[in-house]
């Protein structure tokens, strides 16, 4: 009987480095969007399509049900506003609403950005559409953001597929159930309410629209996991912020995948609403420590678990910084009309990008309102300048606020202006970044959206390695068991492929000495150890020590 020694020449680790060079953002060439329900139904739906190019950019909109198509052009400073038929509102969750996705596309060399607008007799909402960017991961994780609401109006999540045969899992929180068709691909599927620990896994195809909802609860923190990019739109049909405060209004935002989340944020207020605003923070990993500082006030700290939601309120003059030790999602929320003595406006919701996802240049168009404003945030980094380029003209800016990190150093500056029409604001330094939020109010109505954000993959994935590099197995033991271990302090889901990869220096032969193996191992949340078994063949002959090689590689990674 011979002894075969296995030496593993390839010891790969799974490590996604910061990839700012990829330049992914809210500008893109392929979007799949949908319109959530607006209280009792919308009276006006539009998509505003922008480009930063001075030359005319062609793009198209096609609905999955083939009932609507449009081809248009957009130019910097002259966005195209497209009216969408009211039948494309995802009003219910039934199968008849499954094919309402809108595919917006342009050439890869001519990216566009898109803002959705919904208007009804009872309220407005708007949100920045995000492209279907493929990220260097095989596990996309999203979290819902919403609120409590009026009566039995629900909070919701609307999924729009970006690719065919995308596998999706919905994981409710301990605070809110999720109701949806048990099998969204079946026209006769029953509805089911899923509770904590009762995940639902299903398939979605490109352009399909799946609505899930729950009334009498805040579904913020509900988790969505997919193996391909998704459009995830979250909000509420008639939000009350906070619960019990009149009036209620719709709100929506498209949430970002966790791979794009950040750790440092600047926060700007709704200047023209004396009610102030709320911020909601969602943690992805356990042991997420956050610190916030508003103005020159004291630092407030909190520790969050995975999926936990943290909310706080600030005044209409408060600029803040927010930092964390692990990536977080931040939403900016406008309250109901009569909160804190208010007399106008209503709930709004928009995603706040981290500093690491600021953009160099942003074009925006404000919607109709009695009071409309734009807030600009700029970090105090190596690219900082007191100048801004507004509509191709260089201006020297007097900042409205200095924003401090919790340690007392300057984090950045804030600037506010009333606004109308379409404008482009650009950082004066080529590598510098800015953030814009645009908002407006009338009596009992309001809207808000982010002007743009980066979507680069900035969060490293965990390391996975063999427990050792040399394995010694004797024929007759039947199997070689290879143990894989990853760091215990990370929670990202990641898959690796372990396979026999013959090399020139190998002396053992597949089929004679061992059975060739290639298997995928997935580390789920909380899992740190897996094993792979390789069958060893006993030929009953005594032979010298022989070698073969295994490799460990990422699945779905570069």
Foldseek 3Di string as FASTA:
>chain_A
DAWAWAFAPAWDKAKDAFCVVVFFKLWFFKFKDAAEAAQVFFPWKKKKKEFAAQDKFKKKKAWQVRPDIDIDIYHHQGIDIGTDDRVRHQHDQALVNFGSIIIMGGDRVTTMWIKIWTHHPQEIEIETTGGFDWAQAQKWKWWAFEAAFDDFFKWKKKKADQAFFKKKKKAFDQFFWKWHFLESVDNPGDIDIGHHPRMRIYTGHHNTIGMIIGHPTTRTLIMMMIRGGIWIKTYTNWHAVHPPDDDTTTEIYTTFTQLQFDFKFKDAWQQPWQLIWKKKKFAAAAQKKKWKDWAPDAIDIDGDHHSDMDMDTDGRGTIMMMGIPGGMWMKIWHHAQCHPNHFKAHIYIETGHGQSWFDFKFKDAADDAPWKKKKKKFFPDPLDDQWKQKQNRIDRHDFPGFYADNVGHTGTTMHMDTDHGMMMIGRPGPPTGMWMKIKHMYHSYIYIYTRMTRRTRRDMDWIKTWPDRIGIDGPPVFKDKTKIFIDQRDFDKFKKKKWFDFDPQFDDDDPAFWPTDIDMDIAHGRRTMDIDITTTDCPPDYDYYTYTHMYIGGDSRD
